[in-house]
Protein backbone atom coordinates (compact mmCIF):
# COMPACT_ATOMS: atom_id res chain seq x y z
CA MET A 1 12.89 -7.77 27.34
CA THR A 2 14.79 -9.53 24.65
CA PRO A 3 14.07 -8.49 21.30
CA LEU A 4 12.60 -11.01 18.37
CA ILE A 5 15.37 -12.42 15.73
CA ASP A 6 14.41 -14.69 13.00
CA PRO A 7 16.42 -17.78 11.71
CA PHE A 8 18.70 -15.54 9.98
CA ALA A 9 20.18 -13.54 13.62
CA ARG A 10 18.50 -10.05 11.94
CA PRO A 11 16.40 -8.23 13.97
CA ILE A 12 12.73 -8.13 13.47
CA THR A 13 11.66 -4.37 13.00
CA TYR A 14 8.94 -4.08 11.01
CA LEU A 15 5.52 -5.32 11.32
CA ARG A 16 2.24 -5.17 9.12
CA VAL A 17 -0.75 -5.60 11.44
CA SER A 18 -4.38 -6.06 9.43
CA VAL A 19 -7.10 -4.25 11.70
CA THR A 20 -9.97 -5.48 9.15
CA ASP A 21 -11.13 -7.73 5.92
CA ARG A 22 -13.63 -5.34 4.91
CA CYS A 23 -13.47 -3.04 2.48
CA ASP A 24 -15.86 -0.65 0.67
CA PHE A 25 -14.33 -1.33 -2.85
CA ARG A 26 -14.94 -4.65 -4.56
CA CYS A 27 -11.63 -5.20 -7.13
CA THR A 28 -12.08 -7.39 -9.29
CA TYR A 29 -8.78 -9.06 -8.53
CA CYS A 30 -8.51 -9.32 -5.35
CA MET A 31 -12.28 -9.99 -3.55
CA SER A 32 -15.99 -10.93 -5.49
CA GLU A 33 -18.78 -8.64 -5.12
CA HIS A 34 -20.57 -10.25 -2.59
CA MET A 35 -17.64 -10.95 -0.48
CA GLN A 36 -18.36 -12.39 2.87
CA PHE A 37 -16.28 -11.23 5.47
CA LEU A 38 -15.85 -12.43 9.55
CA PRO A 39 -18.48 -11.76 11.06
CA LYS A 40 -17.03 -8.87 13.85
CA LYS A 41 -16.96 -11.14 17.08
CA ASP A 42 -14.44 -13.00 15.44
CA LEU A 43 -12.05 -9.99 14.62
CA LEU A 44 -9.64 -8.75 17.29
CA THR A 45 -11.24 -5.65 19.04
CA LEU A 46 -9.17 -2.35 18.58
CA GLU A 47 -8.17 -2.55 22.55
CA GLU A 48 -6.57 -6.33 21.49
CA LEU A 49 -4.79 -4.41 18.63
CA ASP A 50 -3.74 -2.34 20.76
CA ARG A 51 -2.13 -4.29 23.27
CA LEU A 52 -0.72 -6.33 20.58
CA CYS A 53 0.92 -3.96 18.91
CA SER A 54 2.49 -2.67 22.10
CA ALA A 55 3.87 -5.72 23.17
CA PHE A 56 5.74 -5.86 19.38
CA ILE A 57 6.68 -2.51 20.01
CA ARG A 58 8.14 -3.37 23.16
CA LEU A 59 10.00 -6.24 21.77
CA GLY A 60 11.89 -4.37 18.97
CA VAL A 61 9.67 -3.08 15.87
CA GLU A 62 10.60 0.37 14.89
CA LYS A 63 8.06 0.58 12.03
CA LEU A 64 4.16 -0.36 11.88
CA ARG A 65 2.14 -0.27 9.35
CA ILE A 66 -1.62 -0.58 9.31
CA THR A 67 -3.81 -2.51 6.72
CA GLY A 68 -7.00 -4.23 5.51
CA GLY A 69 -8.43 -4.63 3.94
CA GLU A 70 -9.82 -0.63 4.26
CA PRO A 71 -8.44 0.15 7.98
CA LEU A 72 -9.84 3.21 7.47
CA VAL A 73 -13.57 1.72 7.27
CA ARG A 74 -13.26 0.22 10.69
CA ARG A 75 -15.31 1.71 12.96
CA ASP A 76 -13.39 4.19 15.94
CA ILE A 77 -10.17 3.42 14.08
CA MET A 78 -8.69 6.90 15.57
CA ALA A 79 -8.58 5.54 18.05
CA PHE A 80 -6.51 3.02 18.49
CA PHE A 81 -4.03 5.26 15.71
CA ARG A 82 -3.98 7.62 18.25
CA GLY A 83 -3.27 5.28 21.08
CA ILE A 84 -0.12 3.78 19.19
CA SER A 85 1.09 7.75 17.92
CA GLY A 86 1.35 7.39 21.84
CA HIS A 87 4.97 5.21 20.97
CA LEU A 88 6.21 7.48 18.67
CA GLY A 89 6.16 10.62 21.41
CA THR A 90 8.84 7.89 23.34
CA GLY A 91 10.85 7.16 20.34
CA ALA A 92 9.74 3.44 20.67
CA LEU A 93 8.87 3.41 17.38
CA LYS A 94 10.40 5.28 14.21
CA GLU A 95 7.59 5.13 12.03
CA LEU A 96 3.50 4.77 11.89
CA THR A 97 2.25 4.48 8.59
CA LEU A 98 -0.89 2.98 6.87
CA THR A 99 -1.90 1.08 3.30
CA THR A 100 -5.10 2.95 1.84
CA ASN A 101 -7.36 2.65 -0.99
CA GLY A 102 -7.82 6.40 -0.02
CA SER A 103 -11.71 6.85 -0.51
CA GLN A 104 -11.99 7.98 3.16
CA LEU A 105 -8.88 9.85 3.08
CA ALA A 106 -9.99 13.00 2.60
CA ARG A 107 -12.12 12.52 6.11
CA PHE A 108 -8.94 11.34 7.65
CA ALA A 109 -5.88 12.80 6.43
CA ASP A 110 -5.61 15.45 8.87
CA ASP A 111 -6.41 13.29 12.32
CA LEU A 112 -4.17 10.41 11.03
CA ALA A 113 -1.25 13.93 10.56
CA SER A 114 -1.80 14.26 13.76
CA CYS A 115 -1.19 11.29 14.79
CA GLY A 116 2.01 11.37 13.76
CA ILE A 117 1.81 9.65 10.22
CA ARG A 118 4.10 11.21 7.70
CA ARG A 119 3.99 8.79 5.37
CA ILE A 120 0.91 6.26 3.53
CA ASN A 121 0.66 4.24 0.29
CA VAL A 122 -2.39 4.37 -1.91
CA SER A 123 -3.68 2.09 -3.85
CA LEU A 124 -4.39 3.45 -7.62
CA ASP A 125 -4.22 1.48 -10.57
CA THR A 126 -5.25 4.04 -13.41
CA LEU A 127 -6.26 7.34 -13.69
CA ASP A 128 -9.45 7.19 -16.08
CA PRO A 129 -12.90 7.40 -13.63
CA ALA A 130 -14.88 4.28 -16.11
CA LYS A 131 -11.83 2.78 -15.32
CA PHE A 132 -11.59 3.07 -11.86
CA GLN A 133 -15.56 2.45 -11.22
CA ALA A 134 -15.92 -0.80 -13.65
CA ILE A 135 -12.04 -2.38 -11.37
CA THR A 136 -13.56 -1.34 -8.18
CA ARG A 137 -16.70 -1.89 -8.54
CA TRP A 138 -17.66 0.61 -5.93
CA GLY A 139 -15.45 3.61 -6.32
CA ARG A 140 -15.06 6.84 -7.52
CA LEU A 141 -11.91 8.38 -8.60
CA ALA A 142 -12.94 11.58 -7.75
CA GLN A 143 -13.39 10.83 -4.10
CA VAL A 144 -9.92 8.73 -3.85
CA LEU A 145 -8.16 12.04 -5.77
CA ASP A 146 -9.71 14.14 -3.58
CA GLY A 147 -8.38 12.50 -0.26
CA ILE A 148 -4.56 11.94 -1.69
CA ALA A 149 -4.35 16.27 -2.04
CA ALA A 150 -5.80 15.90 1.47
CA ALA A 151 -3.33 13.64 2.19
CA LYS A 152 -0.96 15.73 0.63
CA ALA A 153 -1.81 19.01 1.95
CA ALA A 154 -1.74 17.47 5.35
CA GLY A 155 2.26 17.21 4.95
CA MET A 156 1.89 13.64 4.43
CA ARG A 157 4.54 11.67 1.71
CA VAL A 158 1.76 10.09 -1.04
CA LYS A 159 3.38 6.46 -2.54
CA ILE A 160 0.94 5.00 -5.60
CA ASN A 161 0.96 1.27 -5.80
CA THR A 162 -0.27 0.50 -8.90
CA VAL A 163 -1.64 -3.66 -10.23
CA ALA A 164 0.03 -4.22 -13.98
CA LEU A 165 -2.82 -5.17 -15.58
CA LYS A 166 -2.39 -6.44 -18.89
CA GLY A 167 -5.68 -4.62 -21.36
CA PHE A 168 -6.00 -2.47 -18.67
CA ASN A 169 -3.94 -0.20 -17.87
CA GLU A 170 -0.37 -0.58 -19.70
CA ASP A 171 -1.20 2.48 -21.83
CA GLU A 172 -1.07 4.26 -18.46
CA LEU A 173 2.59 3.89 -17.94
CA PHE A 174 3.55 7.21 -19.08
CA HIS A 175 0.46 8.68 -18.13
CA LEU A 176 0.57 7.62 -14.65
CA ALA A 177 4.36 8.14 -14.12
CA ASP A 178 4.08 12.07 -15.07
CA TRP A 179 1.21 12.24 -13.17
CA CYS A 180 3.11 11.13 -10.15
CA ALA A 181 5.87 13.39 -11.05
CA THR A 182 3.79 15.78 -10.92
CA GLU A 183 1.86 15.59 -7.90
CA GLY A 184 5.45 14.72 -6.01
CA HIS A 185 4.69 10.72 -5.20
CA ASP A 186 6.77 7.68 -5.25
CA LEU A 187 5.42 5.17 -7.52
CA THR A 188 5.56 1.31 -7.14
CA PHE A 189 3.99 -0.93 -9.91
CA ILE A 190 2.77 -4.98 -8.33
CA GLU A 191 2.31 -7.70 -10.21
CA VAL A 192 -1.10 -9.16 -10.14
CA MET A 193 -1.69 -11.98 -8.24
CA PRO A 194 -3.96 -15.27 -8.00
CA MET A 195 -6.76 -14.40 -5.78
CA GLY A 196 -10.32 -12.89 -5.79
CA GLU A 197 -12.95 -14.59 -8.37
CA MET A 198 -10.18 -14.62 -11.41
CA GLY A 199 -9.78 -17.60 -13.24
CA GLU A 200 -6.80 -19.38 -14.72
CA GLU A 201 -7.92 -17.41 -17.87
CA MET A 202 -8.30 -14.04 -16.49
CA ARG A 203 -4.90 -14.11 -14.57
CA LEU A 204 -3.04 -15.36 -17.23
CA ASP A 205 -5.02 -12.78 -19.59
CA GLN A 206 -3.79 -10.04 -17.57
CA TYR A 207 -0.78 -10.63 -16.24
CA TRP A 208 2.08 -8.19 -17.19
CA PRO A 209 5.57 -8.95 -16.10
CA LEU A 210 6.95 -6.24 -14.48
CA LYS A 211 10.28 -6.94 -16.44
CA ASP A 212 8.11 -5.65 -19.82
CA LEU A 213 7.01 -2.97 -18.02
CA ARG A 214 10.64 -1.59 -16.27
CA ALA A 215 12.03 -2.40 -20.42
CA ARG A 216 8.44 -0.09 -22.06
CA LEU A 217 9.64 2.76 -18.92
CA ALA A 218 13.48 2.82 -19.96
CA GLU A 219 12.17 3.36 -23.17
CA ARG A 220 11.32 7.10 -22.84
CA PHE A 221 13.61 7.50 -19.37
CA THR A 222 17.30 6.29 -18.21
CA LEU A 223 16.66 3.82 -15.14
CA THR A 224 19.19 3.89 -12.08
CA ASP A 225 18.85 0.45 -9.74
CA LEU A 226 19.00 1.68 -6.76
CA SER A 227 20.26 -0.12 -3.14
CA GLU A 228 17.82 0.86 -0.73
CA ARG A 229 15.65 -1.70 1.11
CA SER A 230 12.21 -0.32 2.45
CA GLY A 231 11.52 -4.32 4.73
CA GLY A 232 9.78 -4.75 2.05
CA PRO A 233 9.49 -6.52 -0.81
CA ALA A 234 10.33 -3.94 -3.73
CA ARG A 235 13.05 -3.49 -5.90
CA TYR A 236 13.41 0.51 -6.54
CA VAL A 237 14.80 2.27 -9.46
CA ARG A 238 15.09 6.15 -9.68
CA LEU A 239 14.10 7.73 -13.42
CA GLU A 240 16.77 10.21 -13.78
CA GLU A 241 14.74 12.90 -15.76
CA THR A 242 11.83 13.05 -13.13
CA GLY A 243 14.07 12.11 -9.91
CA GLN A 244 11.10 10.07 -8.68
CA LYS A 245 11.61 6.81 -7.03
CA ILE A 246 9.81 3.96 -8.79
CA GLY A 247 9.44 0.31 -6.92
CA PHE A 248 8.71 -3.30 -8.26
CA ILE A 249 6.93 -5.96 -6.61
CA THR A 250 6.81 -9.48 -8.36
CA PRO A 251 5.45 -12.04 -6.50
CA LEU A 252 5.51 -14.09 -9.88
CA SER A 253 8.35 -13.11 -12.39
CA HIS A 254 10.88 -12.92 -10.19
CA ASN A 255 10.12 -14.67 -6.41
CA PHE A 256 10.78 -11.74 -3.43
CA CYS A 257 11.26 -13.85 -0.85
CA GLU A 258 14.73 -15.06 -2.32
CA SER A 259 15.89 -12.04 -1.33
CA CYS A 260 14.79 -12.43 2.44
């Protein structure tokens, strides 16, 4: 079968698939507290998603990332992971991974690891329980930290994704970096995007350019730019003092499409 090639003659090997728009959090920068989700009848069934992903794998996709919403709140999602993991066994699929808010990880970590998932991304914007509940509206920090610990115990490598929010988690920059270094997690900072019910004024108030965040990091750490690319929009540095990798995703200040 002819592999997928983009208009610049590059093979397409990385696919992200959203399996649901539903989430058990209501993060203020992402969605309304009273979000209206798509009717379930309008979503692809898990069987249809399996057929779709399998078709892309036959066309040369080697890395598959499952996202949402929150993918782990979809009913019977582990049946989907177990089915797709068969492509890892054949060697056609090199990596199966997911992005999650971590709320259901304690429940599913062992099953995910048994499906061949070796790396996951977890969204975490603060290590302060009160601030965490405020920004997620419905979330509990302890539940997410338990999930991250379960994923680590199951042998999965965890990368933390943190949305940089001026006036919210500016004061936690070094705390987050230190915690990730201690726990052995990589860390990626993301500029806030104009989503959810944030108005223009609120978005401007919370916008924290990552060049400023990087400058703050450089006051304490030695930053070495890394040339590696993950197939996504992040640019990476290494903190020489800790050895950890820090990513920057800059959709507003440094358009991440320009290097594609």
